[in-house]
Amino acid sequence: MGSCTLQGAITALVTPFTRDGRVDESALRALVAWQVERGIDGLVPVGSTGEAATLSLAERERVVAITAEVVHGRVPVIAGAGSNDTAAAIENSRVLSAAGATHLLHVSPMYSKPPQRGLLAHFRAVADAAPRPVVLYNVPGRTASNVEAATQLALAEHPNIVATKEASGNIEQIAEIIRHRPAGFAVLSGDDALTLDVIARGGNGVISVVSNAVPAVMRALCVAAAGGDFPAARALHGTLEPLFGAAFVESNPIPIKAALALMGRIGNVLRLPLIPLDLRHEPLLRAALASAGVQQA
């Protein structure tokens, strides 16, 4: 699994919780099974969308194990293993690999804000030690530091770093990485709304939030764009555009969990400091789901 190029629509999976705040294992199993049945190209458990920041390592290990068990080798399982403590990131990598991850998603160290040479040292240390291929994750809006194109390209030369999830929102930076990357290094959009643009510029796909609710439509968009059918891709993008906006009307994963609850797939439960969607946003979310063709409970 590690040798294939990651591509297409990959879901940044939510973590369902029971009313009393535990991981809802039955809802998780059902959600993973449905995602695979709907043709999703990969799953990212315990990332930021999966509320990893408020899950213990034991809980993250369990979520990854369940995801890998249900997937049963059909698609990549890219576990969120990042930390702003390099030693912890390496330990997370070891534990989540043993739990069944095929790849490891490593966000740039949040809060610490290392300089670019510190980012290089961090990711190289992680990649040297990681038992599975590493996917970089650049999301300055959450980490307060940007992994520059030159830094990502230097890291792309490491034999155990195979892709980047680029959520800088800077399309010129993303295009530079695409232009100069080594063969086999995948560039995945970290922003749903930029998926079409990233693939049109030669990128490989998206790690998507909205595909939690619309896996088949998001995959169809990626397939059309990758195949050069841009009229179809633009039409699908238009169908999803209201949802791209609604899914970020409050901090992710608040809106997408509300959407999945409206679909009857999970309970609308988050861990503090995240709280359920402000009810004034629900009409917008319902309209966006309807535009995307989603049946609501």
Foldseek 3Di string as FASTA:
>chain_A
DQQAFQFFEEEADAFFADPVGHGPLVLLLVLLLVLVVLPFQYYEALDVLNVVVPDDLVSLLVSLLSNQVSCVPVHAYAYEQEELDLVSSLVSLVSSVVSHHQEYEYEQHAPVQDPLVVSLVSLVSSQVRHPHAYEYEAACVGRVYGNFLVSVQVVLPPPRHQEYADAPPPVVRLLSNQVRHDPRRAYAYAALLCFLVSVLSPGGYYHDHLCSQVSNLSRVLRVCSNVVVVVVNVVSSVLQVLVSVLCVPDPHPQRSLVLCVQQVSHPNDDDPPDDHDDVVSVVSSVVSCVSNVGDTD
